[in-house]
Amino acid sequence: MSESSSSEGTGQRDDEPLISHHAAVVFLLAAVVGLLAGGLARAAGQPWPTAVAAGLAAAGVAVPAGHRLIGS
C-alpha cells in the first residue's frame, strides 16, 4: 500500500500533527505537576497508593487550569 492510500482512509493529511502544540504543552504541564505532587506526597511519608492518587488528582486539576492559563 502506498503512503497516499493509507492516509485516505483516516481523513488526515500526513503533514498535520497528531495533537496541537497547545495541547502538548498543557499535557506536559499536567504531567510535571502530577509528578511533583506525587513525589512530594511520597516524600512526606504517604504510602505509594496515596501518593499516586495525589499525583493523578493534581494532574487532573492542572489540565483545565493550564488550558485557561496558557490560552489557545
Protein backbone atom coordinates (compact mmCIF):
# COMPACT_ATOMS: atom_id res chain seq x y z
CA MET A 1 0.00 0.00 0.00
CA SER A 2 1.36 3.42 -0.83
CA GLU A 3 1.55 6.28 1.67
CA SER A 4 -1.12 8.30 -0.08
CA SER A 5 -3.64 5.47 0.00
CA SER A 6 -3.03 4.77 3.71
CA SER A 7 -3.82 8.37 4.70
CA GLU A 8 -7.01 8.49 2.60
CA GLY A 9 -8.86 6.15 4.94
CA THR A 10 -8.09 8.15 8.09
CA GLY A 11 -9.08 11.54 6.73
CA GLN A 12 -5.86 13.20 7.95
CA ARG A 13 -3.05 14.53 5.87
CA ASP A 14 0.49 13.35 6.52
CA ASP A 15 1.80 16.81 7.43
CA GLU A 16 -0.71 17.53 10.21
CA PRO A 17 0.47 16.93 13.79
CA LEU A 18 -1.31 14.37 15.95
CA ILE A 19 -2.08 17.00 18.61
CA SER A 20 -1.59 20.76 18.62
CA HIS A 21 1.31 22.49 20.34
CA HIS A 22 -1.12 23.97 22.84
CA ALA A 23 -2.43 20.57 23.87
CA ALA A 24 1.08 19.16 24.13
CA VAL A 25 2.18 21.97 26.45
CA VAL A 26 -0.93 21.63 28.61
CA PHE A 27 -0.45 17.86 28.98
CA LEU A 28 3.27 18.28 29.69
CA LEU A 29 2.43 20.82 32.39
CA ALA A 30 -0.10 18.42 33.90
CA ALA A 31 2.44 15.59 33.90
CA VAL A 32 5.04 17.73 35.67
CA VAL A 33 2.53 18.93 38.26
CA GLY A 34 1.31 15.38 38.86
CA LEU A 35 4.83 14.02 39.26
CA LEU A 36 5.75 16.80 41.66
CA ALA A 37 2.63 16.34 43.76
CA GLY A 38 3.04 12.58 43.91
CA GLY A 39 6.73 12.88 44.72
CA LEU A 40 6.09 15.39 47.47
CA ALA A 41 3.34 13.23 48.93
CA ARG A 42 5.68 10.21 48.94
CA ALA A 43 8.49 12.28 50.46
CA ALA A 44 6.11 13.37 53.20
CA GLY A 45 5.69 9.74 54.21
CA GLN A 46 2.45 8.84 52.48
CA PRO A 47 2.12 5.26 51.18
CA TRP A 48 2.55 4.67 47.43
CA PRO A 49 -1.17 4.36 46.59
CA THR A 50 -1.94 7.63 48.34
CA ALA A 51 0.97 9.39 46.59
CA VAL A 52 -0.17 8.09 43.20
CA ALA A 53 -3.74 9.23 43.89
CA ALA A 54 -2.46 12.67 44.90
CA GLY A 55 -0.40 12.90 41.70
CA LEU A 56 -3.30 11.87 39.49
CA ALA A 57 -5.64 14.31 41.21
CA ALA A 58 -3.15 17.14 40.82
CA ALA A 59 -2.62 16.30 37.15
CA GLY A 60 -6.38 16.22 36.60
CA VAL A 61 -6.77 19.66 38.12
CA ALA A 62 -3.77 21.01 36.17
CA VAL A 63 -5.28 20.23 32.74
CA PRO A 64 -8.17 22.75 32.82
CA ALA A 65 -6.08 25.25 34.81
CA GLY A 66 -3.23 25.01 32.29
CA HIS A 67 -5.64 25.34 29.41
CA ARG A 68 -7.02 28.58 30.87
CA LEU A 69 -3.60 29.96 31.82
CA ILE A 70 -1.81 29.22 28.56
CA GLY A 71 -4.73 30.21 26.33
CA SER A 72 -5.42 28.99 22.84
